[in-house]
């Protein structure tokens, strides 16, 4: 039982930390775009080519995917009682999150080498 509590506390803590990073990044990105004036595609690309911004966006993507995994996993574990269906749903969720993450990092890399 103690191991389950520790695992739940670890997941809760990690989700709160990822939420904090998501919030800080959102404020930072909002500030950057609010102070730049009109933004279009070229301004986005210019902003993302900056190594600091590119890394912070990459970390944002990781934090967002991790946050989605922990929250969705907990919902599935709490509400889906059939073990087979639970396994399938977790596998589909993992596949979708990994696919989205790979696609997002491909976009970031394409912008950097463009």
PDB file of N, CA and C in Angstrom:
ATOM      1  N   UNK A   1       0.822  -1.201   0.000  1.00  0.00           N
ATOM      2  CA  UNK A   1       0.000   0.000   0.000  1.00  0.00           C
ATOM      3  C   UNK A   1       0.865   1.264   0.000  1.00  0.00           C
ATOM      4  N   UNK A   2       1.944   1.245   0.750  1.00  0.00           N
ATOM      5  CA  UNK A   2       2.817   2.413   0.822  1.00  0.00           C
ATOM      6  C   UNK A   2       3.422   2.731  -0.533  1.00  0.00           C
ATOM      7  N   UNK A   3       3.742   1.696  -1.318  1.00  0.00           N
ATOM      8  CA  UNK A   3       4.303   1.909  -2.645  1.00  0.00           C
ATOM      9  C   UNK A   3       3.290   2.594  -3.562  1.00  0.00           C
ATOM     10  N   UNK A   4       2.013   2.239  -3.447  1.00  0.00           N
ATOM     11  CA  UNK A   4       0.976   2.881  -4.246  1.00  0.00           C
ATOM     12  C   UNK A   4       0.830   4.349  -3.876  1.00  0.00           C
ATOM     13  N   UNK A   5       0.897   4.650  -2.598  1.00  0.00           N
ATOM     14  CA  UNK A   5       0.797   6.042  -2.153  1.00  0.00           C
ATOM     15  C   UNK A   5       1.984   6.835  -2.675  1.00  0.00           C
ATOM     16  N   UNK A   6       3.185   6.265  -2.585  1.00  0.00           N
ATOM     17  CA  UNK A   6       4.376   6.953  -3.082  1.00  0.00           C
ATOM     18  C   UNK A   6       4.281   7.178  -4.584  1.00  0.00           C
ATOM     19  N   UNK A   7       3.786   6.178  -5.324  1.00  0.00           N
ATOM     20  CA  UNK A   7       3.633   6.311  -6.761  1.00  0.00           C
ATOM     21  C   UNK A   7       2.607   7.391  -7.096  1.00  0.00           C
ATOM     22  N   UNK A   8       1.499   7.411  -6.361  1.00  0.00           N
ATOM     23  CA  UNK A   8       0.475   8.432  -6.585  1.00  0.00           C
ATOM     24  C   UNK A   8       0.978   9.821  -6.247  1.00  0.00           C
ATOM     25  N   UNK A   9       1.743   9.926  -5.176  1.00  0.00           N
ATOM     26  CA  UNK A   9       2.303  11.226  -4.779  1.00  0.00           C
ATOM     27  C   UNK A   9       3.326  11.692  -5.803  1.00  0.00           C
ATOM     28  N   UNK A  10       4.116  10.774  -6.317  1.00  0.00           N
ATOM     29  CA  UNK A  10       5.117  11.123  -7.333  1.00  0.00           C
ATOM     30  C   UNK A  10       4.422  11.628  -8.601  1.00  0.00           C
ATOM     31  N   UNK A  11       3.373  10.943  -9.030  1.00  0.00           N
ATOM     32  CA  UNK A  11       2.631  11.373 -10.219  1.00  0.00           C
ATOM     33  C   UNK A  11       1.982  12.734  -9.985  1.00  0.00           C
ATOM     34  N   UNK A  12       1.403  12.916  -8.799  1.00  0.00           N
ATOM     35  CA  UNK A  12       0.763  14.194  -8.462  1.00  0.00           C
ATOM     36  C   UNK A  12       1.795  15.325  -8.490  1.00  0.00           C
ATOM     37  N   UNK A  13       2.962  15.074  -7.898  1.00  0.00           N
ATOM     38  CA  UNK A  13       4.018  16.092  -7.853  1.00  0.00           C
ATOM     39  C   UNK A  13       4.519  16.418  -9.260  1.00  0.00           C
ATOM     40  N   UNK A  14       4.755  15.399 -10.058  1.00  0.00           N
ATOM     41  CA  UNK A  14       5.253  15.629 -11.411  1.00  0.00           C
ATOM     42  C   UNK A  14       4.227  16.373 -12.269  1.00  0.00           C
ATOM     43  N   UNK A  15       2.947  16.075 -12.062  1.00  0.00           N
ATOM     44  CA  UNK A  15       1.931  16.785 -12.831  1.00  0.00           C
ATOM     45  C   UNK A  15       1.881  18.251 -12.414  1.00  0.00           C
ATOM     46  N   UNK A  16       2.039  18.524 -11.130  1.00  0.00           N
ATOM     47  CA  UNK A  16       2.036  19.921 -10.677  1.00  0.00           C
ATOM     48  C   UNK A  16       3.259  20.670 -11.190  1.00  0.00           C
ATOM     49  N   UNK A  17       4.409  20.009 -11.227  1.00  0.00           N
ATOM     50  CA  UNK A  17       5.616  20.649 -11.757  1.00  0.00           C
ATOM     51  C   UNK A  17       5.484  20.915 -13.253  1.00  0.00           C
ATOM     52  N   UNK A  18       4.926  19.959 -13.983  1.00  0.00           N
ATOM     53  CA  UNK A  18       4.743  20.192 -15.419  1.00  0.00           C
ATOM     54  C   UNK A  18       3.734  21.312 -15.651  1.00  0.00           C
ATOM     55  N   UNK A  19       2.690  21.377 -14.822  1.00  0.00           N
ATOM     56  CA  UNK A  19       1.706  22.463 -14.947  1.00  0.00           C
ATOM     57  C   UNK A  19       2.361  23.816 -14.671  1.00  0.00           C
ATOM     58  N   UNK A  20       3.264  23.853 -13.707  1.00  0.00           N
ATOM     59  CA  UNK A  20       3.964  25.098 -13.392  1.00  0.00           C
ATOM     60  C   UNK A  20       4.819  25.545 -14.574  1.00  0.00           C
ATOM     61  N   UNK A  21       5.544  24.600 -15.185  1.00  0.00           N
ATOM     62  CA  UNK A  21       6.354  24.960 -16.350  1.00  0.00           C
ATOM     63  C   UNK A  21       5.463  25.437 -17.500  1.00  0.00           C
ATOM     64  N   UNK A  22       4.355  24.753 -17.726  1.00  0.00           N
ATOM     65  CA  UNK A  22       3.424  25.156 -18.788  1.00  0.00           C
ATOM     66  C   UNK A  22       2.941  26.586 -18.543  1.00  0.00           C
ATOM     67  N   UNK A  23       2.607  26.909 -17.305  1.00  0.00           N
ATOM     68  CA  UNK A  23       2.153  28.258 -16.962  1.00  0.00           C
ATOM     69  C   UNK A  23       3.256  29.286 -17.188  1.00  0.00           C
ATOM     70  N   UNK A  24       4.459  29.010 -16.693  1.00  0.00           N
ATOM     71  CA  UNK A  24       5.573  29.954 -16.840  1.00  0.00           C
ATOM     72  C   UNK A  24       5.893  30.171 -18.314  1.00  0.00           C
ATOM     73  N   UNK A  25       5.920  29.095 -19.096  1.00  0.00           N
ATOM     74  CA  UNK A  25       6.197  29.233 -20.519  1.00  0.00           C
ATOM     75  C   UNK A  25       5.110  30.047 -21.218  1.00  0.00           C
ATOM     76  N   UNK A  26       3.860  29.792 -20.883  1.00  0.00           N
ATOM     77  CA  UNK A  26       2.752  30.512 -21.512  1.00  0.00           C
ATOM     78  C   UNK A  26       2.845  32.009 -21.234  1.00  0.00           C
ATOM     79  N   UNK A  27       3.174  32.362 -20.006  1.00  0.00           N
ATOM     80  CA  UNK A  27       3.349  33.778 -19.655  1.00  0.00           C
ATOM     81  C   UNK A  27       4.531  34.370 -20.431  1.00  0.00           C
ATOM     82  N   UNK A  28       5.643  33.633 -20.479  1.00  0.00           N
ATOM     83  CA  UNK A  28       6.831  34.095 -21.214  1.00  0.00           C
ATOM     84  C   UNK A  28       6.520  34.299 -22.694  1.00  0.00           C
ATOM     85  N   UNK A  29       5.902  33.306 -23.333  1.00  0.00           N
ATOM     86  CA  UNK A  29       5.584  33.402 -24.756  1.00  0.00           C
ATOM     87  C   UNK A  29       4.584  34.523 -25.001  1.00  0.00           C
ATOM     88  N   UNK A  30       3.580  34.648 -24.139  1.00  0.00           N
ATOM     89  CA  UNK A  30       2.617  35.741 -24.277  1.00  0.00           C
ATOM     90  C   UNK A  30       3.280  37.101 -24.174  1.00  0.00           C
ATOM     91  N   UNK A  31       4.203  37.232 -23.222  1.00  0.00           N
ATOM     92  CA  UNK A  31       4.940  38.490 -23.066  1.00  0.00           C
ATOM     93  C   UNK A  31       5.775  38.780 -24.315  1.00  0.00           C
ATOM     94  N   UNK A  32       6.463  37.764 -24.824  1.00  0.00           N
ATOM     95  CA  UNK A  32       7.289  37.957 -26.024  1.00  0.00           C
ATOM     96  C   UNK A  32       6.458  38.440 -27.201  1.00  0.00           C
ATOM     97  N   UNK A  33       5.313  37.820 -27.416  1.00  0.00           N
ATOM     98  CA  UNK A  33       4.500  38.198 -28.565  1.00  0.00           C
ATOM     99  C   UNK A  33       3.752  39.499 -28.341  1.00  0.00           C
ATOM    100  N   UNK A  34       3.411  39.805 -27.104  1.00  0.00           N
ATOM    101  CA  UNK A  34       2.724  41.072 -26.817  1.00  0.00           C
ATOM    102  C   UNK A  34       3.662  42.258 -27.025  1.00  0.00           C
ATOM    103  N   UNK A  35       4.948  42.088 -26.730  1.00  0.00           N
ATOM    104  CA  UNK A  35       5.892  43.186 -26.862  1.00  0.00           C
ATOM    105  C   UNK A  35       6.477  43.313 -28.261  1.00  0.00           C
ATOM    106  N   UNK A  36       6.242  42.331 -29.122  1.00  0.00           N
ATOM    107  CA  UNK A  36       6.766  42.378 -30.487  1.00  0.00           C
ATOM    108  C   UNK A  36       5.823  43.063 -31.463  1.00  0.00           C
ATOM    109  N   UNK A  37       4.611  43.335 -31.059  1.00  0.00           N
ATOM    110  CA  UNK A  37       3.654  43.938 -31.983  1.00  0.00           C
ATOM    111  C   UNK A  37       2.990  42.886 -32.842  1.00  0.00           C
ATOM    112  N   UNK A  38       2.735  43.224 -34.097  1.00  0.00           N
ATOM    113  CA  UNK A  38       2.042  42.307 -35.004  1.00  0.00           C
ATOM    114  C   UNK A  38       2.896  41.070 -35.236  1.00  0.00           C
ATOM    115  N   UNK A  39       2.260  39.924 -35.165  1.00  0.00           N
ATOM    116  CA  UNK A  39       3.006  38.682 -35.384  1.00  0.00           C
ATOM    117  C   UNK A  39       2.401  37.925 -36.554  1.00  0.00           C
ATOM    118  N   UNK A  40       3.268  37.373 -37.332  1.00  0.00           N
ATOM    119  CA  UNK A  40       2.873  36.537 -38.448  1.00  0.00           C
ATOM    120  C   UNK A  40       3.786  35.331 -38.499  1.00  0.00           C
ATOM    121  N   UNK A  41       3.706  34.608 -39.582  1.00  0.00           N
ATOM    122  CA  UNK A  41       4.487  33.393 -39.714  1.00  0.00           C
ATOM    123  C   UNK A  41       5.990  33.666 -39.620  1.00  0.00           C
ATOM    124  N   UNK A  42       6.453  34.709 -40.307  1.00  0.00           N
ATOM    125  CA  UNK A  42       7.885  35.017 -40.292  1.00  0.00           C
ATOM    126  C   UNK A  42       8.371  35.378 -38.888  1.00  0.00           C
ATOM    127  N   UNK A  43       7.553  36.095 -38.116  1.00  0.00           N
ATOM    128  CA  UNK A  43       7.935  36.432 -36.743  1.00  0.00           C
ATOM    129  C   UNK A  43       7.995  35.176 -35.867  1.00  0.00           C
ATOM    130  N   UNK A  44       7.053  34.239 -36.076  1.00  0.00           N
ATOM    131  CA  UNK A  44       7.077  32.972 -35.336  1.00  0.00           C
ATOM    132  C   UNK A  44       8.360  32.207 -35.638  1.00  0.00           C
ATOM    133  N   UNK A  45       8.695  32.108 -36.914  1.00  0.00           N
ATOM    134  CA  UNK A  45       9.895  31.378 -37.311  1.00  0.00           C
ATOM    135  C   UNK A  45      11.133  32.049 -36.729  1.00  0.00           C
ATOM    136  N   UNK A  46      11.188  33.361 -36.806  1.00  0.00           N
ATOM    137  CA  UNK A  46      12.317  34.101 -36.240  1.00  0.00           C
ATOM    138  C   UNK A  46      12.427  33.849 -34.742  1.00  0.00           C
ATOM    139  N   UNK A  47      11.307  33.877 -34.048  1.00  0.00           N
ATOM    140  CA  UNK A  47      11.300  33.643 -32.603  1.00  0.00           C
ATOM    141  C   UNK A  47      11.758  32.225 -32.279  1.00  0.00           C
ATOM    142  N   UNK A  48      11.301  31.249 -33.060  1.00  0.00           N
ATOM    143  CA  UNK A  48      11.654  29.852 -32.806  1.00  0.00           C
ATOM    144  C   UNK A  48      13.084  29.514 -33.205  1.00  0.00           C
ATOM    145  N   UNK A  49      13.695  30.299 -34.060  1.00  0.00           N
ATOM    146  CA  UNK A  49      15.086  30.038 -34.451  1.00  0.00           C
ATOM    147  C   UNK A  49      16.059  30.415 -33.352  1.00  0.00           C
ATOM    148  N   UNK A  50      15.648  31.262 -32.447  1.00  0.00           N
ATOM    149  CA  UNK A  50      16.499  31.587 -31.301  1.00  0.00           C
ATOM    150  C   UNK A  50      16.676  30.309 -30.480  1.00  0.00           C
ATOM    151  N   UNK A  51      17.929  29.903 -30.214  1.00  0.00           N
ATOM    152  CA  UNK A  51      18.148  28.638 -29.497  1.00  0.00           C
ATOM    153  C   UNK A  51      17.439  28.553 -28.146  1.00  0.00           C
ATOM    154  N   UNK A  52      17.418  29.657 -27.391  1.00  0.00           N
ATOM    155  CA  UNK A  52      16.751  29.647 -26.085  1.00  0.00           C
ATOM    156  C   UNK A  52      15.267  29.361 -26.250  1.00  0.00           C
ATOM    157  N   UNK A  53      14.633  30.058 -27.190  1.00  0.00           N
ATOM    158  CA  UNK A  53      13.201  29.860 -27.416  1.00  0.00           C
ATOM    159  C   UNK A  53      12.914  28.462 -27.950  1.00  0.00           C
ATOM    160  N   UNK A  54      13.771  27.966 -28.835  1.00  0.00           N
ATOM    161  CA  UNK A  54      13.563  26.637 -29.385  1.00  0.00           C
ATOM    162  C   UNK A  54      13.646  25.578 -28.289  1.00  0.00           C
ATOM    163  N   UNK A  55      14.585  25.721 -27.384  1.00  0.00           N
ATOM    164  CA  UNK A  55      14.725  24.769 -26.275  1.00  0.00           C
ATOM    165  C   UNK A  55      13.544  24.890 -25.326  1.00  0.00           C
ATOM    166  N   UNK A  56      13.114  26.123 -25.023  1.00  0.00           N
ATOM    167  CA  UNK A  56      11.977  26.279 -24.108  1.00  0.00           C
ATOM    168  C   UNK A  56      10.692  25.715 -24.715  1.00  0.00           C
ATOM    169  N   UNK A  57      10.543  25.844 -26.037  1.00  0.00           N
ATOM    170  CA  UNK A  57       9.370  25.258 -26.701  1.00  0.00           C
ATOM    171  C   UNK A  57       9.463  23.730 -26.655  1.00  0.00           C
ATOM    172  N   UNK A  58      10.650  23.190 -26.884  1.00  0.00           N
ATOM    173  CA  UNK A  58      10.834  21.742 -26.784  1.00  0.00           C
ATOM    174  C   UNK A  58      10.501  21.221 -25.391  1.00  0.00           C
ATOM    175  N   UNK A  59      10.948  21.933 -24.371  1.00  0.00           N
ATOM    176  CA  UNK A  59      10.619  21.552 -22.989  1.00  0.00           C
ATOM    177  C   UNK A  59       9.125  21.707 -22.721  1.00  0.00           C
ATOM    178  N   UNK A  60       8.523  22.730 -23.318  1.00  0.00           N
ATOM    179  CA  UNK A  60       7.084  22.921 -23.184  1.00  0.00           C
ATOM    180  C   UNK A  60       6.326  21.727 -23.772  1.00  0.00           C
ATOM    181  N   UNK A  61       6.760  21.283 -24.942  1.00  0.00           N
ATOM    182  CA  UNK A  61       6.121  20.130 -25.579  1.00  0.00           C
ATOM    183  C   UNK A  61       6.248  18.896 -24.682  1.00  0.00           C
ATOM    184  N   UNK A  62       7.448  18.659 -24.162  1.00  0.00           N
ATOM    185  CA  UNK A  62       7.643  17.514 -23.262  1.00  0.00           C
ATOM    186  C   UNK A  62       6.767  17.620 -22.025  1.00  0.00           C
ATOM    187  N   UNK A  63       6.730  18.810 -21.424  1.00  0.00           N
ATOM    188  CA  UNK A  63       5.908  19.010 -20.225  1.00  0.00           C
ATOM    189  C   UNK A  63       4.432  18.799 -20.537  1.00  0.00           C
ATOM    190  N   UNK A  64       3.982  19.295 -21.676  1.00  0.00           N
ATOM    191  CA  UNK A  64       2.579  19.152 -22.063  1.00  0.00           C
ATOM    192  C   UNK A  64       2.214  17.686 -22.306  1.00  0.00           C
ATOM    193  N   UNK A  65       3.079  16.972 -23.017  1.00  0.00           N
ATOM    194  CA  UNK A  65       2.821  15.558 -23.271  1.00  0.00           C
ATOM    195  C   UNK A  65       2.846  14.750 -21.982  1.00  0.00           C
ATOM    196  N   UNK A  66       3.813  15.032 -21.116  1.00  0.00           N
ATOM    197  CA  UNK A  66       3.892  14.317 -19.843  1.00  0.00           C
ATOM    198  C   UNK A  66       2.666  14.612 -18.985  1.00  0.00           C
ATOM    199  N   UNK A  67       2.265  15.872 -18.944  1.00  0.00           N
ATOM    200  CA  UNK A  67       1.093  16.286 -18.170  1.00  0.00           C
ATOM    201  C   UNK A  67      -0.156  15.566 -18.691  1.00  0.00           C
ATOM    202  N   UNK A  68      -0.286  15.488 -20.007  1.00  0.00           N
ATOM    203  CA  UNK A  68      -1.431  14.801 -20.601  1.00  0.00           C
ATOM    204  C   UNK A  68      -1.389  13.313 -20.293  1.00  0.00           C
ATOM    205  N   UNK A  69      -0.200  12.713 -20.328  1.00  0.00           N
ATOM    206  CA  UNK A  69      -0.068  11.289 -20.028  1.00  0.00           C
ATOM    207  C   UNK A  69      -0.502  10.991 -18.598  1.00  0.00           C
ATOM    208  N   UNK A  70       0.021  11.738 -17.630  1.00  0.00           N
ATOM    209  CA  UNK A  70      -0.291  11.466 -16.228  1.00  0.00           C
ATOM    210  C   UNK A  70      -1.782  11.659 -15.960  1.00  0.00           C
ATOM    211  N   UNK A  71      -2.348  12.734 -16.440  1.00  0.00           N
ATOM    212  CA  UNK A  71      -3.769  12.990 -16.202  1.00  0.00           C
ATOM    213  C   UNK A  71      -4.670  11.968 -16.874  1.00  0.00           C
ATOM    214  N   UNK A  72      -4.400  11.679 -18.137  1.00  0.00           N
ATOM    215  CA  UNK A  72      -5.226  10.720 -18.872  1.00  0.00           C
ATOM    216  C   UNK A  72      -5.051   9.310 -18.318  1.00  0.00           C
ATOM    217  N   UNK A  73      -3.827   8.959 -17.961  1.00  0.00           N
ATOM    218  CA  UNK A  73      -3.567   7.637 -17.383  1.00  0.00           C
ATOM    219  C   UNK A  73      -4.343   7.451 -16.089  1.00  0.00           C
ATOM    220  N   UNK A  74      -4.333   8.472 -15.245  1.00  0.00           N
ATOM    221  CA  UNK A  74      -5.063   8.376 -13.976  1.00  0.00           C
ATOM    222  C   UNK A  74      -6.565   8.225 -14.205  1.00  0.00           C
ATOM    223  N   UNK A  75      -7.097   8.938 -15.186  1.00  0.00           N
ATOM    224  CA  UNK A  75      -8.528   8.817 -15.494  1.00  0.00           C
ATOM    225  C   UNK A  75      -8.845   7.405 -15.983  1.00  0.00           C
ATOM    226  N   UNK A  76      -8.008   6.887 -16.880  1.00  0.00           N
ATOM    227  CA  UNK A  76      -8.234   5.524 -17.380  1.00  0.00           C
ATOM    228  C   UNK A  76      -8.131   4.510 -16.249  1.00  0.00           C
ATOM    229  N   UNK A  77      -7.106   4.634 -15.415  1.00  0.00           N
ATOM    230  CA  UNK A  77      -6.937   3.679 -14.318  1.00  0.00           C
ATOM    231  C   UNK A  77      -8.082   3.755 -13.310  1.00  0.00           C
ATOM    232  N   UNK A  78      -8.626   4.946 -13.106  1.00  0.00           N
ATOM    233  CA  UNK A  78      -9.708   5.105 -12.133  1.00  0.00           C
ATOM    234  C   UNK A  78     -11.063   4.625 -12.659  1.00  0.00           C
ATOM    235  N   UNK A  79     -11.326   4.810 -13.938  1.00  0.00           N
ATOM    236  CA  UNK A  79     -12.678   4.586 -14.435  1.00  0.00           C
ATOM    237  C   UNK A  79     -12.852   3.389 -15.358  1.00  0.00           C
ATOM    238  N   UNK A  80     -11.780   2.865 -15.921  1.00  0.00           N
ATOM    239  CA  UNK A  80     -11.895   1.695 -16.798  1.00  0.00           C
ATOM    240  C   UNK A  80     -11.499   0.473 -15.979  1.00  0.00           C
ATOM    241  N   UNK A  81     -12.473  -0.364 -15.681  1.00  0.00           N
ATOM    242  CA  UNK A  81     -12.241  -1.496 -14.776  1.00  0.00           C
ATOM    243  C   UNK A  81     -11.789  -2.761 -15.499  1.00  0.00           C
ATOM    244  N   UNK A  82     -12.171  -2.948 -16.744  1.00  0.00           N
ATOM    245  CA  UNK A  82     -11.796  -4.157 -17.489  1.00  0.00           C
ATOM    246  C   UNK A  82     -10.308  -4.091 -17.843  1.00  0.00           C
ATOM    247  N   UNK A  83      -9.504  -5.050 -17.365  1.00  0.00           N
ATOM    248  CA  UNK A  83      -8.047  -4.991 -17.589  1.00  0.00           C
ATOM    249  C   UNK A  83      -7.646  -4.944 -19.063  1.00  0.00           C
ATOM    250  N   UNK A  84      -8.326  -5.713 -19.901  1.00  0.00           N
ATOM    251  CA  UNK A  84      -7.988  -5.716 -21.324  1.00  0.00           C
ATOM    252  C   UNK A  84      -8.255  -4.382 -21.989  1.00  0.00           C
ATOM    253  N   UNK A  85      -9.423  -3.820 -21.718  1.00  0.00           N
ATOM    254  CA  UNK A  85      -9.774  -2.514 -22.279  1.00  0.00           C
ATOM    255  C   UNK A  85      -8.842  -1.436 -21.740  1.00  0.00           C
ATOM    256  N   UNK A  86      -8.521  -1.519 -20.459  1.00  0.00           N
ATOM    257  CA  UNK A  86      -7.601  -0.551 -19.840  1.00  0.00           C
ATOM    258  C   UNK A  86      -6.246  -0.589 -20.547  1.00  0.00           C
ATOM    259  N   UNK A  87      -5.735  -1.778 -20.798  1.00  0.00           N
ATOM    260  CA  UNK A  87      -4.441  -1.923 -21.475  1.00  0.00           C
ATOM    261  C   UNK A  87      -4.490  -1.347 -22.886  1.00  0.00           C
ATOM    262  N   UNK A  88      -5.559  -1.645 -23.609  1.00  0.00           N
ATOM    263  CA  UNK A  88      -5.705  -1.121 -24.977  1.00  0.00           C
ATOM    264  C   UNK A  88      -5.775   0.405 -24.952  1.00  0.00           C
ATOM    265  N   UNK A  89      -6.561   0.947 -24.040  1.00  0.00           N
ATOM    266  CA  UNK A  89      -6.697   2.415 -23.971  1.00  0.00           C
ATOM    267  C   UNK A  89      -5.373   3.079 -23.601  1.00  0.00           C
ATOM    268  N   UNK A  90      -4.629   2.495 -22.674  1.00  0.00           N
ATOM    269  CA  UNK A  90      -3.320   3.053 -22.307  1.00  0.00           C
ATOM    270  C   UNK A  90      -2.343   2.967 -23.476  1.00  0.00           C
ATOM    271  N   UNK A  91      -2.389   1.864 -24.216  1.00  0.00           N
ATOM    272  CA  UNK A  91      -1.502   1.708 -25.368  1.00  0.00           C
ATOM    273  C   UNK A  91      -1.840   2.723 -26.461  1.00  0.00           C
ATOM    274  N   UNK A  92      -3.122   2.918 -26.739  1.00  0.00           N
ATOM    275  CA  UNK A  92      -3.542   3.901 -27.746  1.00  0.00           C
ATOM    276  C   UNK A  92      -3.136   5.304 -27.307  1.00  0.00           C
ATOM    277  N   UNK A  93      -3.350   5.606 -26.039  1.00  0.00           N
ATOM    278  CA  UNK A  93      -2.962   6.920 -25.507  1.00  0.00           C
ATOM    279  C   UNK A  93      -1.460   7.134 -25.665  1.00  0.00           C
ATOM    280  N   UNK A  94      -0.667   6.142 -25.280  1.00  0.00           N
ATOM    281  CA  UNK A  94       0.794   6.261 -25.397  1.00  0.00           C
ATOM    282  C   UNK A  94       1.199   6.450 -26.853  1.00  0.00           C
ATOM    283  N   UNK A  95       0.609   5.668 -27.746  1.00  0.00           N
ATOM    284  CA  UNK A  95       0.931   5.788 -29.169  1.00  0.00           C
ATOM    285  C   UNK A  95       0.608   7.194 -29.688  1.00  0.00           C
ATOM    286  N   UNK A  96      -0.567   7.701 -29.349  1.00  0.00           N
ATOM    287  CA  UNK A  96      -0.964   9.028 -29.825  1.00  0.00           C
ATOM    288  C   UNK A  96      -0.059  10.123 -29.278  1.00  0.00           C
ATOM    289  N   UNK A  97       0.275  10.063 -28.002  1.00  0.00           N
ATOM    290  CA  UNK A  97       1.135  11.088 -27.413  1.00  0.00           C
ATOM    291  C   UNK A  97       2.544  11.033 -27.999  1.00  0.00           C
ATOM    292  N   UNK A  98       3.066   9.829 -28.200  1.00  0.00           N
ATOM    293  CA  UNK A  98       4.391   9.702 -28.811  1.00  0.00           C
ATOM    294  C   UNK A  98       4.364  10.219 -30.247  1.00  0.00           C
ATOM    295  N   UNK A  99       3.331   9.871 -31.000  1.00  0.00           N
ATOM    296  CA  UNK A  99       3.217  10.340 -32.383  1.00  0.00           C
ATOM    297  C   UNK A  99       3.138  11.863 -32.434  1.00  0.00           C
ATOM    298  N   UNK A 100       2.337  12.457 -31.553  1.00  0.00           N
ATOM    299  CA  UNK A 100       2.233  13.923 -31.528  1.00  0.00           C
ATOM    300  C   UNK A 100       3.567  14.555 -31.143  1.00  0.00           C
ATOM    301  N   UNK A 101       4.247  13.969 -30.171  1.00  0.00           N
ATOM    302  CA  UNK A 101       5.548  14.492 -29.751  1.00  0.00           C
ATOM    303  C   UNK A 101       6.569  14.435 -30.872  1.00  0.00           C
ATOM    304  N   UNK A 102       6.636  13.316 -31.582  1.00  0.00           N
ATOM    305  CA  UNK A 102       7.578  13.196 -32.696  1.00  0.00           C
ATOM    306  C   UNK A 102       7.261  14.204 -33.797  1.00  0.00           C
ATOM    307  N   UNK A 103       5.976  14.376 -34.092  1.00  0.00           N
ATOM    308  CA  UNK A 103       5.579  15.347 -35.113  1.00  0.00           C
ATOM    309  C   UNK A 103       5.970  16.772 -34.691  1.00  0.00           C
ATOM    310  N   UNK A 104       5.729  17.107 -33.432  1.00  0.00           N
ATOM    311  CA  UNK A 104       6.054  18.446 -32.946  1.00  0.00           C
ATOM    312  C   UNK A 104       7.558  18.703 -32.975  1.00  0.00           C
ATOM    313  N   UNK A 105       8.357  17.707 -32.598  1.00  0.00           N
ATOM    314  CA  UNK A 105       9.805  17.894 -32.642  1.00  0.00           C
ATOM    315  C   UNK A 105      10.320  17.948 -34.078  1.00  0.00           C
ATOM    316  N   UNK A 106       9.663  17.260 -34.992  1.00  0.00           N
ATOM    317  CA  UNK A 106      10.018  17.365 -36.413  1.00  0.00           C
ATOM    318  C   UNK A 106       9.789  18.799 -36.886  1.00  0.00           C
ATOM    319  N   UNK A 107       8.682  19.392 -36.475  1.00  0.00           N
ATOM    320  CA  UNK A 107       8.396  20.777 -36.846  1.00  0.00           C
ATOM    321  C   UNK A 107       9.473  21.705 -36.285  1.00  0.00           C
ATOM    322  N   UNK A 108       9.840  21.524 -35.018  1.00  0.00           N
ATOM    323  CA  UNK A 108      10.876  22.375 -34.422  1.00  0.00           C
ATOM    324  C   UNK A 108      12.209  22.219 -35.144  1.00  0.00           C
ATOM    325  N   UNK A 109      12.588  20.990 -35.452  1.00  0.00           N
ATOM    326  CA  UNK A 109      13.856  20.769 -36.153  1.00  0.00           C
ATOM    327  C   UNK A 109      13.816  21.336 -37.562  1.00  0.00           C
ATOM    328  N   UNK A 110      12.670  21.245 -38.224  1.00  0.00           N
ATOM    329  CA  UNK A 110      12.547  21.793 -39.568  1.00  0.00           C
ATOM    330  C   UNK A 110      12.748  23.305 -39.547  1.00  0.00           C
ATOM    331  N   UNK A 111      12.247  23.964 -38.528  1.00  0.00           N
ATOM    332  CA  UNK A 111      12.401  25.412 -38.421  1.00  0.00           C
ATOM    333  C   UNK A 111      13.869  25.779 -38.188  1.00  0.00           C
ATOM    334  N   UNK A 112      14.543  24.993 -37.377  1.00  0.00           N
ATOM    335  CA  UNK A 112      15.949  25.297 -37.058  1.00  0.00           C
ATOM    336  C   UNK A 112      16.855  25.135 -38.281  1.00  0.00           C
ATOM    337  N   UNK A 113      16.652  24.086 -39.054  1.00  0.00           N
ATOM    338  CA  UNK A 113      17.547  23.819 -40.199  1.00  0.00           C
ATOM    339  C   UNK A 113      17.075  24.480 -41.475  1.00  0.00           C
ATOM    340  N   UNK A 114      15.970  25.155 -41.459  1.00  0.00           N
ATOM    341  CA  UNK A 114      15.406  25.812 -42.635  1.00  0.00           C
ATOM    342  C   UNK A 114      16.255  26.961 -43.106  1.00  0.00           C
TER     343      UNK A 114
END
